[in-house]
Amino acid sequence: MTTPGIRRGRATGALAGLCLVLLGCVPLDVADPGATSPQPTPRAAAPEPSQASRDLMTFYARYEQRQLTSGLLRTDGGGVDTPYSARQLAENFERIALYDEYTLRGGRFIAQQSESRLRRWKEPVRVRPVFGRSVSEEQKTGDRADLDAYVARLARVTGADIKTSVRGANYHVLFLNTDELRAAGPILRDLVPGIDDAIVRDITEMDRLTFCSVYAISDPETPNDYETAVAIIRAEHPDLLRLGCIHEEIAQGLGLANDSRDARPSIFNDDDEFALLTSHDEQLLRILYDPRLTPGLTPDEARPLVQQIAAERMGGGS
């Protein structure tokens, strides 16, 4: 498998059945919430989080409060204070959709932007949340509701076949605390057979300044059509940071793999001004899934089409 799309969120700023019961494996909530059983199996009690996990909860809570106090992490989607033109929209699309943020070198992902090709999903996207045992039932309920609403929004915006599903998922959204992340290798290999060791290592060794991440994966024979994706969201995050990670990583895993310092209003910008998908970001997704664009286009090939589509989206503005 190849891994043409990798995205790490705010950096400032395949599971064997035995692993469900053996020590050393990460227990996950992967049951169908609508299923019933005449002999339900009692759930094991949630493990006590480590000191490292408790420290992260404090760290992220303070970070969120500090950003909010500074007027960041906006949830309004942009307004009269954040105008943008068709030209800016087209330029932002090129930088965000047609460049990669990370490069694989020596078995490690390093931050190095490079020109890429247009990539997106061809097959239906089926999104499934997977929770570590550390996640409370209350938090699971809220996160499932947020994910359902957001995926429905993405389907409306892109016109693509995107749904949440408990069966046949190809887009796995893992909510794990740091203890679970460190032991997540077997789970990742079960969810994505053939997953690259570099991805597993990148996930299990995430440092605290990597708030969340996504890895969109394609087959070498069709490198510009994503087949599966894994998003990692830290369970220690407070509500807004966690929702922000849902918004950013799932959208990036649809084909918006990069960031741009010039994009505004946008979550595809590491300045933290916006926490949730904006009107500008919806336009980027509409352009990405416009049928006039085809996977594999280079920036030079895509540019005139993107400029035309952006102008149409902005009512003929330039």
C-alpha atoms as a PDB file:
ATOM      1  CA  MET A   1       0.000   0.000   0.000  1.00  0.00           C
ATOM      2  CA  THR A   2       1.074   3.580  -0.530  1.00  0.00           C
ATOM      3  CA  THR A   3       0.403   6.482   1.802  1.00  0.00           C
ATOM      4  CA  PRO A   4       0.100   9.610  -0.321  1.00  0.00           C
ATOM      5  CA  GLY A   5      -1.929  11.547   2.217  1.00  0.00           C
ATOM      6  CA  ILE A   6      -0.817  12.298   5.751  1.00  0.00           C
ATOM      7  CA  ARG A   7      -1.962  15.140   7.924  1.00  0.00           C
ATOM      8  CA  ARG A   8      -1.123  16.005  11.482  1.00  0.00           C
ATOM      9  CA  GLY A   9      -3.365  18.355  13.387  1.00  0.00           C
ATOM     10  CA  ARG A  10      -2.330  21.415  15.365  1.00  0.00           C
ATOM     11  CA  ALA A  11       1.287  20.802  16.174  1.00  0.00           C
ATOM     12  CA  THR A  12       1.811  23.894  18.255  1.00  0.00           C
ATOM     13  CA  GLY A  13      -0.297  25.433  17.392  1.00  0.00           C
ATOM     14  CA  ALA A  14      -5.145  -5.890  12.068  1.00  0.00           C
ATOM     15  CA  LEU A  15      -6.480  -6.692  15.517  1.00  0.00           C
ATOM     16  CA  ALA A  16      -6.559 -10.471  16.215  1.00  0.00           C
ATOM     17  CA  GLY A  17      -9.608 -11.643  18.095  1.00  0.00           C
ATOM     18  CA  LEU A  18      -7.432 -12.791  20.968  1.00  0.00           C
ATOM     19  CA  CYS A  19      -6.293  -9.238  21.523  1.00  0.00           C
ATOM     20  CA  LEU A  20      -9.677  -8.413  22.959  1.00  0.00           C
ATOM     21  CA  VAL A  21      -8.852 -10.457  26.009  1.00  0.00           C
ATOM     22  CA  LEU A  22      -5.075 -10.693  26.171  1.00  0.00           C
ATOM     23  CA  LEU A  23      -3.090  -8.230  28.253  1.00  0.00           C
ATOM     24  CA  GLY A  24      -1.033  -5.795  26.269  1.00  0.00           C
ATOM     25  CA  CYS A  25      -3.624  -5.213  23.564  1.00  0.00           C
ATOM     26  CA  VAL A  26      -5.688  -2.040  23.420  1.00  0.00           C
ATOM     27  CA  PRO A  27      -9.348  -2.833  24.184  1.00  0.00           C
ATOM     28  CA  LEU A  28     -11.659  -0.910  21.882  1.00  0.00           C
ATOM     29  CA  ASP A  29     -15.372  -0.318  21.647  1.00  0.00           C
ATOM     30  CA  VAL A  30     -16.047  -1.815  18.215  1.00  0.00           C
ATOM     31  CA  ALA A  31     -19.477  -3.328  18.816  1.00  0.00           C
ATOM     32  CA  ASP A  32     -22.483  -2.471  16.688  1.00  0.00           C
ATOM     33  CA  PRO A  33     -24.464  -0.120  18.968  1.00  0.00           C
ATOM     34  CA  GLY A  34     -27.715  -1.332  17.391  1.00  0.00           C
ATOM     35  CA  ALA A  35     -27.020  -5.012  17.871  1.00  0.00           C
ATOM     36  CA  THR A  36     -28.653  -7.075  20.587  1.00  0.00           C
ATOM     37  CA  SER A  37     -27.630 -10.373  22.144  1.00  0.00           C
ATOM     38  CA  PRO A  38     -29.586 -12.818  24.305  1.00  0.00           C
ATOM     39  CA  GLN A  39     -26.456 -13.313  26.411  1.00  0.00           C
ATOM     40  CA  PRO A  40     -24.651  -9.987  26.606  1.00  0.00           C
ATOM     41  CA  THR A  41     -21.043 -10.131  27.677  1.00  0.00           C
ATOM     42  CA  PRO A  42     -20.256  -7.754  30.544  1.00  0.00           C
ATOM     43  CA  ARG A  43     -17.844  -5.030  29.596  1.00  0.00           C
ATOM     44  CA  ALA A  44     -14.566  -4.830  31.431  1.00  0.00           C
ATOM     45  CA  ALA A  45     -14.198  -1.803  33.643  1.00  0.00           C
ATOM     46  CA  ALA A  46     -12.380   1.103  32.037  1.00  0.00           C
ATOM     47  CA  PRO A  47      -8.734   1.114  33.057  1.00  0.00           C
ATOM     48  CA  GLU A  48      -7.448   3.950  35.172  1.00  0.00           C
ATOM     49  CA  PRO A  49      -5.567   6.436  32.992  1.00  0.00           C
ATOM     50  CA  SER A  50      -1.867   6.736  33.582  1.00  0.00           C
ATOM     51  CA  GLN A  51      -0.276   9.840  35.024  1.00  0.00           C
ATOM     52  CA  ALA A  52       0.867  10.696  31.500  1.00  0.00           C
ATOM     53  CA  SER A  53      -2.741  10.648  30.285  1.00  0.00           C
ATOM     54  CA  ARG A  54      -3.925  12.750  33.215  1.00  0.00           C
ATOM     55  CA  ASP A  55      -1.163  15.257  32.540  1.00  0.00           C
ATOM     56  CA  LEU A  56      -2.254  15.504  28.913  1.00  0.00           C
ATOM     57  CA  MET A  57      -5.838  16.216  29.956  1.00  0.00           C
ATOM     58  CA  THR A  58      -4.583  19.159  31.980  1.00  0.00           C
ATOM     59  CA  PHE A  59      -2.267  20.336  29.207  1.00  0.00           C
ATOM     60  CA  TYR A  60      -4.968  20.303  26.517  1.00  0.00           C
ATOM     61  CA  ALA A  61      -7.589  21.916  28.764  1.00  0.00           C
ATOM     62  CA  ARG A  62      -5.209  24.785  29.498  1.00  0.00           C
ATOM     63  CA  TYR A  63      -4.294  25.073  25.844  1.00  0.00           C
ATOM     64  CA  GLU A  64      -7.940  25.331  24.782  1.00  0.00           C
ATOM     65  CA  GLN A  65      -8.681  27.952  27.415  1.00  0.00           C
ATOM     66  CA  ARG A  66      -5.623  29.988  26.455  1.00  0.00           C
ATOM     67  CA  GLN A  67      -6.597  29.986  22.779  1.00  0.00           C
ATOM     68  CA  LEU A  68     -10.187  30.942  23.557  1.00  0.00           C
ATOM     69  CA  THR A  69      -9.016  33.777  25.785  1.00  0.00           C
ATOM     70  CA  SER A  70      -6.915  35.012  22.848  1.00  0.00           C
ATOM     71  CA  GLY A  71      -9.945  35.055  20.546  1.00  0.00           C
ATOM     72  CA  LEU A  72      -8.896  31.932  18.660  1.00  0.00           C
ATOM     73  CA  LEU A  73     -10.669  28.631  17.975  1.00  0.00           C
ATOM     74  CA  ARG A  74     -13.600  30.469  16.412  1.00  0.00           C
ATOM     75  CA  THR A  75     -16.713  28.456  15.622  1.00  0.00           C
ATOM     76  CA  ASP A  76     -18.579  31.010  13.486  1.00  0.00           C
ATOM     77  CA  GLY A  77     -17.281  29.797  10.117  1.00  0.00           C
ATOM     78  CA  GLY A  78     -16.035  33.231   9.103  1.00  0.00           C
ATOM     79  CA  GLY A  79     -17.869  36.450   8.377  1.00  0.00           C
ATOM     80  CA  VAL A  80     -17.516  40.020   7.134  1.00  0.00           C
ATOM     81  CA  ASP A  81     -14.099  40.259   8.777  1.00  0.00           C
ATOM     82  CA  THR A  82     -12.730  37.389   6.693  1.00  0.00           C
ATOM     83  CA  PRO A  83     -13.463  38.181   3.025  1.00  0.00           C
ATOM     84  CA  TYR A  84     -11.797  36.229   0.233  1.00  0.00           C
ATOM     85  CA  SER A  85     -11.910  36.390  -3.549  1.00  0.00           C
ATOM     86  CA  ALA A  86     -12.167  33.762  -6.267  1.00  0.00           C
ATOM     87  CA  ARG A  87      -8.463  34.223  -6.968  1.00  0.00           C
ATOM     88  CA  GLN A  88      -7.588  33.613  -3.316  1.00  0.00           C
ATOM     89  CA  LEU A  89      -9.891  30.593  -3.180  1.00  0.00           C
ATOM     90  CA  ALA A  90      -8.208  29.062  -6.241  1.00  0.00           C
ATOM     91  CA  GLU A  91      -4.726  29.738  -4.870  1.00  0.00           C
ATOM     92  CA  ASN A  92      -5.629  28.289  -1.484  1.00  0.00           C
ATOM     93  CA  PHE A  93      -7.072  25.194  -3.132  1.00  0.00           C
ATOM     94  CA  GLU A  94      -3.898  24.621  -5.119  1.00  0.00           C
ATOM     95  CA  ARG A  95      -1.704  24.870  -2.039  1.00  0.00           C
ATOM     96  CA  ILE A  96      -3.970  22.737   0.171  1.00  0.00           C
ATOM     97  CA  ALA A  97      -5.120  20.042  -2.273  1.00  0.00           C
ATOM     98  CA  LEU A  98      -2.151  19.786  -4.643  1.00  0.00           C
ATOM     99  CA  TYR A  99       0.777  19.842  -2.234  1.00  0.00           C
ATOM    100  CA  ASP A 100       1.739  17.414   0.513  1.00  0.00           C
ATOM    101  CA  GLU A 101       2.682  18.545   3.989  1.00  0.00           C
ATOM    102  CA  TYR A 102       4.814  15.523   4.895  1.00  0.00           C
ATOM    103  CA  THR A 103       7.367  13.360   3.101  1.00  0.00           C
ATOM    104  CA  LEU A 104       8.376   9.796   3.973  1.00  0.00           C
ATOM    105  CA  ARG A 105      12.138   9.588   4.337  1.00  0.00           C
ATOM    106  CA  GLY A 106      14.147   6.830   5.982  1.00  0.00           C
ATOM    107  CA  GLY A 107      11.005   5.212   7.353  1.00  0.00           C
ATOM    108  CA  ARG A 108       9.916   8.455   9.048  1.00  0.00           C
ATOM    109  CA  PHE A 109       7.474  11.188   8.102  1.00  0.00           C
ATOM    110  CA  ILE A 110       9.136  14.581   8.078  1.00  0.00           C
ATOM    111  CA  ALA A 111       7.609  18.029   7.601  1.00  0.00           C
ATOM    112  CA  GLN A 112       8.505  18.945   4.024  1.00  0.00           C
ATOM    113  CA  GLN A 113       6.029  20.334   1.538  1.00  0.00           C
ATOM    114  CA  SER A 114       6.189  18.975  -1.978  1.00  0.00           C
ATOM    115  CA  GLU A 115       4.151  19.218  -5.167  1.00  0.00           C
ATOM    116  CA  SER A 116       1.622  16.429  -5.514  1.00  0.00           C
ATOM    117  CA  ARG A 117      -1.405  15.415  -7.570  1.00  0.00           C
ATOM    118  CA  LEU A 118      -5.116  15.732  -6.978  1.00  0.00           C
ATOM    119  CA  ARG A 119      -6.340  12.857  -4.823  1.00  0.00           C
ATOM    120  CA  ARG A 120      -9.787  12.009  -3.503  1.00  0.00           C
ATOM    121  CA  TRP A 121     -12.154   9.089  -2.889  1.00  0.00           C
ATOM    122  CA  LYS A 122     -13.746   7.270  -5.790  1.00  0.00           C
ATOM    123  CA  GLU A 123     -15.513   4.553  -3.825  1.00  0.00           C
ATOM    124  CA  PRO A 124     -18.202   5.246  -1.184  1.00  0.00           C
ATOM    125  CA  VAL A 125     -16.747   6.468   2.102  1.00  0.00           C
ATOM    126  CA  ARG A 126     -17.983   4.692   5.211  1.00  0.00           C
ATOM    127  CA  VAL A 127     -16.892   6.339   8.437  1.00  0.00           C
ATOM    128  CA  ARG A 128     -16.818   4.462  11.716  1.00  0.00           C
ATOM    129  CA  PRO A 129     -15.820   5.684  15.164  1.00  0.00           C
ATOM    130  CA  VAL A 130     -13.694   3.347  17.255  1.00  0.00           C
ATOM    131  CA  PHE A 131     -13.300   4.150  20.943  1.00  0.00           C
ATOM    132  CA  GLY A 132     -10.706   3.096  23.458  1.00  0.00           C
ATOM    133  CA  ARG A 133     -11.970   1.777  26.787  1.00  0.00           C
ATOM    134  CA  SER A 134     -10.764   4.965  28.404  1.00  0.00           C
ATOM    135  CA  VAL A 135     -13.576   6.940  26.739  1.00  0.00           C
ATOM    136  CA  SER A 136     -16.648   7.430  28.920  1.00  0.00           C
ATOM    137  CA  GLU A 137     -20.120   6.516  27.689  1.00  0.00           C
ATOM    138  CA  GLU A 138     -21.122  10.170  27.847  1.00  0.00           C
ATOM    139  CA  GLN A 139     -18.191  11.187  25.678  1.00  0.00           C
ATOM    140  CA  LYS A 140     -18.873   8.368  23.200  1.00  0.00           C
ATOM    141  CA  THR A 141     -22.483   9.490  22.828  1.00  0.00           C
ATOM    142  CA  GLY A 142     -21.452  13.071  22.150  1.00  0.00           C
ATOM    143  CA  ASP A 143     -18.687  12.151  19.743  1.00  0.00           C
ATOM    144  CA  ARG A 144     -20.933   9.788  17.763  1.00  0.00           C
ATOM    145  CA  ALA A 145     -23.546  12.534  17.423  1.00  0.00           C
ATOM    146  CA  ASP A 146     -20.912  15.069  16.335  1.00  0.00           C
ATOM    147  CA  LEU A 147     -19.461  12.620  13.834  1.00  0.00           C
ATOM    148  CA  ASP A 148     -22.871  11.730  12.371  1.00  0.00           C
ATOM    149  CA  ALA A 149     -23.776  15.390  11.902  1.00  0.00           C
ATOM    150  CA  TYR A 150     -20.420  16.311  10.406  1.00  0.00           C
ATOM    151  CA  VAL A 151     -20.296  13.387   7.971  1.00  0.00           C
ATOM    152  CA  ALA A 152     -23.808  14.278   6.775  1.00  0.00           C
ATOM    153  CA  ARG A 153     -22.597  17.842   6.212  1.00  0.00           C
ATOM    154  CA  LEU A 154     -19.580  16.652   4.227  1.00  0.00           C
ATOM    155  CA  ALA A 155     -21.839  14.514   2.046  1.00  0.00           C
ATOM    156  CA  ARG A 156     -24.040  17.528   1.289  1.00  0.00           C
ATOM    157  CA  VAL A 157     -21.085  19.768   0.514  1.00  0.00           C
ATOM    158  CA  THR A 158     -19.134  17.365  -1.699  1.00  0.00           C
ATOM    159  CA  GLY A 159     -22.004  15.439  -3.279  1.00  0.00           C
ATOM    160  CA  ALA A 160     -19.961  12.304  -2.574  1.00  0.00           C
ATOM    161  CA  ASP A 161     -21.306   9.090  -1.075  1.00  0.00           C
ATOM    162  CA  ILE A 162     -20.161   9.596   2.523  1.00  0.00           C
ATOM    163  CA  LYS A 163     -21.925   8.056   5.509  1.00  0.00           C
ATOM    164  CA  THR A 164     -21.251   6.801   8.988  1.00  0.00           C
ATOM    165  CA  SER A 165     -21.583   3.052   9.267  1.00  0.00           C
ATOM    166  CA  VAL A 166     -20.849   0.265  11.729  1.00  0.00           C
ATOM    167  CA  ARG A 167     -20.230  -2.242   8.938  1.00  0.00           C
ATOM    168  CA  GLY A 168     -17.942  -2.163   5.939  1.00  0.00           C
ATOM    169  CA  ALA A 169     -16.098   0.906   7.171  1.00  0.00           C
ATOM    170  CA  ASN A 170     -13.111   2.157   5.217  1.00  0.00           C
ATOM    171  CA  TYR A 171     -12.562   5.392   7.162  1.00  0.00           C
ATOM    172  CA  HIS A 172     -11.725   4.584  10.763  1.00  0.00           C
ATOM    173  CA  VAL A 173     -11.801   7.363  13.370  1.00  0.00           C
ATOM    174  CA  LEU A 174      -9.976   6.239  16.504  1.00  0.00           C
ATOM    175  CA  PHE A 175     -10.556   8.020  19.804  1.00  0.00           C
ATOM    176  CA  LEU A 176      -7.692   6.853  22.026  1.00  0.00           C
ATOM    177  CA  ASN A 177      -5.838   8.156  25.039  1.00  0.00           C
ATOM    178  CA  THR A 178      -2.062   8.152  25.092  1.00  0.00           C
ATOM    179  CA  ASP A 179      -1.856   4.777  26.865  1.00  0.00           C
ATOM    180  CA  GLU A 180      -3.994   3.200  24.135  1.00  0.00           C
ATOM    181  CA  LEU A 181      -2.083   4.927  21.359  1.00  0.00           C
ATOM    182  CA  ARG A 182       1.198   3.411  22.488  1.00  0.00           C
ATOM    183  CA  ALA A 183      -0.232  -0.114  22.167  1.00  0.00           C
ATOM    184  CA  ALA A 184      -2.346   0.466  19.036  1.00  0.00           C
ATOM    185  CA  GLY A 185      -0.161  -1.398  16.540  1.00  0.00           C
ATOM    186  CA  PRO A 186      -2.199  -4.653  16.432  1.00  0.00           C
ATOM    187  CA  ILE A 187      -5.461  -2.725  16.084  1.00  0.00           C
ATOM    188  CA  LEU A 188      -4.145  -0.614  13.231  1.00  0.00           C
ATOM    189  CA  ARG A 189      -2.915  -3.694  11.391  1.00  0.00           C
ATOM    190  CA  ASP A 190      -6.336  -5.309  11.775  1.00  0.00           C
ATOM    191  CA  LEU A 191      -8.285  -2.276  10.606  1.00  0.00           C
ATOM    192  CA  VAL A 192      -5.940  -1.639   7.664  1.00  0.00           C
ATOM    193  CA  PRO A 193      -4.260  -4.897   6.570  1.00  0.00           C
ATOM    194  CA  GLY A 194      -0.884  -4.147   5.012  1.00  0.00           C
ATOM    195  CA  ILE A 195      -0.571  -0.753   6.693  1.00  0.00           C
ATOM    196  CA  ASP A 196       2.936   0.618   6.418  1.00  0.00           C
ATOM    197  CA  ASP A 197       5.134   0.191   9.486  1.00  0.00           C
ATOM    198  CA  ALA A 198       6.037   3.878   9.232  1.00  0.00           C
ATOM    199  CA  ILE A 199       2.396   4.831   9.795  1.00  0.00           C
ATOM    200  CA  VAL A 200       2.069   2.504  12.767  1.00  0.00           C
ATOM    201  CA  ARG A 201       5.225   3.931  14.290  1.00  0.00           C
ATOM    202  CA  ASP A 202       4.096   7.503  13.605  1.00  0.00           C
ATOM    203  CA  ILE A 203       0.798   6.882  15.394  1.00  0.00           C
ATOM    204  CA  THR A 204       2.098   4.926  18.369  1.00  0.00           C
ATOM    205  CA  GLU A 205       4.852   7.466  18.984  1.00  0.00           C
ATOM    206  CA  MET A 206       2.757  10.633  18.626  1.00  0.00           C
ATOM    207  CA  ASP A 207       4.096  13.412  20.809  1.00  0.00           C
ATOM    208  CA  ARG A 208       1.805  15.697  22.763  1.00  0.00           C
ATOM    209  CA  LEU A 209       2.110  18.557  20.262  1.00  0.00           C
ATOM    210  CA  THR A 210       0.500  16.373  17.605  1.00  0.00           C
ATOM    211  CA  PHE A 211      -3.098  16.919  18.631  1.00  0.00           C
ATOM    212  CA  CYS A 212      -4.606  14.602  15.988  1.00  0.00           C
ATOM    213  CA  SER A 213      -3.667  13.104  12.643  1.00  0.00           C
ATOM    214  CA  VAL A 214      -5.044  11.348   9.578  1.00  0.00           C
ATOM    215  CA  TYR A 215      -3.535   8.908   7.102  1.00  0.00           C
ATOM    216  CA  ALA A 216      -5.357   8.402   3.781  1.00  0.00           C
ATOM    217  CA  ILE A 217      -4.132   5.325   1.932  1.00  0.00           C
ATOM    218  CA  SER A 218      -4.344   4.178  -1.681  1.00  0.00           C
ATOM    219  CA  ASP A 219      -3.286   1.163  -3.709  1.00  0.00           C
ATOM    220  CA  PRO A 220      -0.074   1.521  -5.775  1.00  0.00           C
ATOM    221  CA  GLU A 221      -2.043   0.702  -8.929  1.00  0.00           C
ATOM    222  CA  THR A 222      -4.455   3.600  -8.322  1.00  0.00           C
ATOM    223  CA  PRO A 223      -2.342   5.989  -6.228  1.00  0.00           C
ATOM    224  CA  ASN A 224      -4.676   8.964  -6.607  1.00  0.00           C
ATOM    225  CA  ASP A 225      -7.836   7.190  -5.416  1.00  0.00           C
ATOM    226  CA  TYR A 226      -8.027   6.786  -1.668  1.00  0.00           C
ATOM    227  CA  GLU A 227      -9.239   3.395  -0.454  1.00  0.00           C
ATOM    228  CA  THR A 228      -9.036   3.682   3.302  1.00  0.00           C
ATOM    229  CA  ALA A 229      -8.108   6.166   5.991  1.00  0.00           C
ATOM    230  CA  VAL A 230      -7.304   6.227   9.685  1.00  0.00           C
ATOM    231  CA  ALA A 231      -7.834   9.330  11.781  1.00  0.00           C
ATOM    232  CA  ILE A 232      -6.409   9.548  15.288  1.00  0.00           C
ATOM    233  CA  ILE A 233      -8.071  11.811  17.844  1.00  0.00           C
ATOM    234  CA  ARG A 234      -6.759  12.061  21.363  1.00  0.00           C
ATOM    235  CA  ALA A 235      -9.360  11.109  23.944  1.00  0.00           C
ATOM    236  CA  GLU A 236      -7.796  13.525  26.452  1.00  0.00           C
ATOM    237  CA  HIS A 237      -8.937  16.571  24.494  1.00  0.00           C
ATOM    238  CA  PRO A 238     -11.632  18.836  25.934  1.00  0.00           C
ATOM    239  CA  ASP A 239     -14.821  19.072  23.906  1.00  0.00           C
ATOM    240  CA  LEU A 240     -13.944  21.873  21.474  1.00  0.00           C
ATOM    241  CA  LEU A 241     -10.462  20.594  20.643  1.00  0.00           C
ATOM    242  CA  ARG A 242     -11.874  17.125  20.087  1.00  0.00           C
ATOM    243  CA  LEU A 243     -14.622  18.451  17.805  1.00  0.00           C
ATOM    244  CA  GLY A 244     -12.048  20.564  15.988  1.00  0.00           C
ATOM    245  CA  CYS A 245      -9.969  17.455  15.351  1.00  0.00           C
ATOM    246  CA  ILE A 246     -13.046  15.672  13.969  1.00  0.00           C
ATOM    247  CA  HIS A 247     -13.657  18.545  11.567  1.00  0.00           C
ATOM    248  CA  GLU A 248     -10.077  19.025  10.438  1.00  0.00           C
ATOM    249  CA  GLU A 249      -8.829  15.469  10.118  1.00  0.00           C
ATOM    250  CA  ILE A 250     -11.848  13.938   8.400  1.00  0.00           C
ATOM    251  CA  ALA A 251     -11.962  16.744   5.844  1.00  0.00           C
ATOM    252  CA  GLN A 252      -8.217  16.466   5.235  1.00  0.00           C
ATOM    253  CA  GLY A 253      -8.583  12.720   4.736  1.00  0.00           C
ATOM    254  CA  LEU A 254     -11.002  13.403   1.884  1.00  0.00           C
ATOM    255  CA  GLY A 255      -8.167  14.943  -0.137  1.00  0.00           C
ATOM    256  CA  LEU A 256      -7.157  18.289   1.377  1.00  0.00           C
ATOM    257  CA  ALA A 257      -3.790  17.086   2.613  1.00  0.00           C
ATOM    258  CA  ASN A 258      -1.890  20.312   3.228  1.00  0.00           C
ATOM    259  CA  ASP A 259      -2.103  23.606   5.099  1.00  0.00           C
ATOM    260  CA  SER A 260      -1.641  27.173   3.951  1.00  0.00           C
ATOM    261  CA  ARG A 261      -0.709  30.187   6.046  1.00  0.00           C
ATOM    262  CA  ASP A 262      -2.661  32.342   3.597  1.00  0.00           C
ATOM    263  CA  ALA A 263      -5.955  30.434   3.835  1.00  0.00           C
ATOM    264  CA  ARG A 264      -8.571  32.435   5.749  1.00  0.00           C
ATOM    265  CA  PRO A 265     -11.122  31.742   7.088  1.00  0.00           C
ATOM    266  CA  SER A 266      -9.934  28.157   7.275  1.00  0.00           C
ATOM    267  CA  ILE A 267      -9.085  25.254   9.531  1.00  0.00           C
ATOM    268  CA  PHE A 268      -6.395  24.300   6.998  1.00  0.00           C
ATOM    269  CA  ASN A 269      -4.129  26.855   8.619  1.00  0.00           C
ATOM    270  CA  ASP A 270      -2.120  26.154  11.746  1.00  0.00           C
ATOM    271  CA  ASP A 271      -2.825  29.582  13.243  1.00  0.00           C
ATOM    272  CA  ASP A 272      -5.753  28.163  15.287  1.00  0.00           C
ATOM    273  CA  GLU A 273      -8.019  31.084  14.395  1.00  0.00           C
ATOM    274  CA  PHE A 274     -10.828  28.695  13.463  1.00  0.00           C
ATOM    275  CA  ALA A 275     -11.706  25.466  15.219  1.00  0.00           C
ATOM    276  CA  LEU A 276     -14.447  24.223  12.889  1.00  0.00           C
ATOM    277  CA  LEU A 277     -14.980  23.922   9.139  1.00  0.00           C
ATOM    278  CA  THR A 278     -15.662  27.316   7.573  1.00  0.00           C
ATOM    279  CA  SER A 279     -17.557  28.581   4.531  1.00  0.00           C
ATOM    280  CA  HIS A 280     -14.218  28.886   2.712  1.00  0.00           C
ATOM    281  CA  ASP A 281     -13.389  25.260   3.557  1.00  0.00           C
ATOM    282  CA  GLU A 282     -16.729  24.081   2.217  1.00  0.00           C
ATOM    283  CA  GLN A 283     -15.837  25.769  -1.067  1.00  0.00           C
ATOM    284  CA  LEU A 284     -12.518  23.913  -1.135  1.00  0.00           C
ATOM    285  CA  LEU A 285     -14.355  20.611  -0.712  1.00  0.00           C
ATOM    286  CA  ARG A 286     -16.832  21.495  -3.451  1.00  0.00           C
ATOM    287  CA  ILE A 287     -13.967  22.226  -5.829  1.00  0.00           C
ATOM    288  CA  LEU A 288     -12.175  19.014  -4.840  1.00  0.00           C
ATOM    289  CA  TYR A 289     -15.180  16.859  -5.726  1.00  0.00           C
ATOM    290  CA  ASP A 290     -16.246  18.817  -8.802  1.00  0.00           C
ATOM    291  CA  PRO A 291     -16.543  16.236 -11.644  1.00  0.00           C
ATOM    292  CA  ARG A 292     -14.541  18.472 -13.978  1.00  0.00           C
ATOM    293  CA  LEU A 293     -11.457  17.669 -11.919  1.00  0.00           C
ATOM    294  CA  THR A 294      -9.999  14.188 -12.105  1.00  0.00           C
ATOM    295  CA  PRO A 295      -7.622  12.407  -9.720  1.00  0.00           C
ATOM    296  CA  GLY A 296      -4.021  12.593 -10.819  1.00  0.00           C
ATOM    297  CA  LEU A 297      -4.018  16.177 -12.092  1.00  0.00           C
ATOM    298  CA  THR A 298      -0.853  18.135 -11.360  1.00  0.00           C
ATOM    299  CA  PRO A 299      -1.033  21.754 -10.115  1.00  0.00           C
ATOM    300  CA  ASP A 300      -0.306  23.053 -13.629  1.00  0.00           C
ATOM    301  CA  GLU A 301      -2.963  20.813 -15.169  1.00  0.00           C
ATOM    302  CA  ALA A 302      -5.577  21.613 -12.538  1.00  0.00           C
ATOM    303  CA  ARG A 303      -4.977  25.369 -12.273  1.00  0.00           C
ATOM    304  CA  PRO A 304      -7.163  26.670 -15.151  1.00  0.00           C
ATOM    305  CA  LEU A 305     -10.038  24.396 -14.168  1.00  0.00           C
ATOM    306  CA  VAL A 306      -9.743  25.346 -10.507  1.00  0.00           C
ATOM    307  CA  GLN A 307      -9.733  29.041 -11.391  1.00  0.00           C
ATOM    308  CA  GLN A 308     -12.872  28.590 -13.497  1.00  0.00           C
ATOM    309  CA  ILE A 309     -14.688  26.612 -10.800  1.00  0.00           C
ATOM    310  CA  ALA A 310     -13.658  29.059  -8.074  1.00  0.00           C
ATOM    311  CA  ALA A 311     -14.946  31.997 -10.126  1.00  0.00           C
ATOM    312  CA  GLU A 312     -18.272  30.223 -10.615  1.00  0.00           C
ATOM    313  CA  ARG A 313     -18.496  29.436  -6.918  1.00  0.00           C
ATOM    314  CA  MET A 314     -17.866  33.054  -6.046  1.00  0.00           C
ATOM    315  CA  GLY A 315     -20.418  34.373  -8.474  1.00  0.00           C
ATOM    316  CA  GLY A 316     -17.946  35.411 -11.150  1.00  0.00           C
ATOM    317  CA  GLY A 317     -15.642  37.341  -8.806  1.00  0.00           C
ATOM    318  CA  SER A 318     -11.917  37.360  -9.350  1.00  0.00           C
END
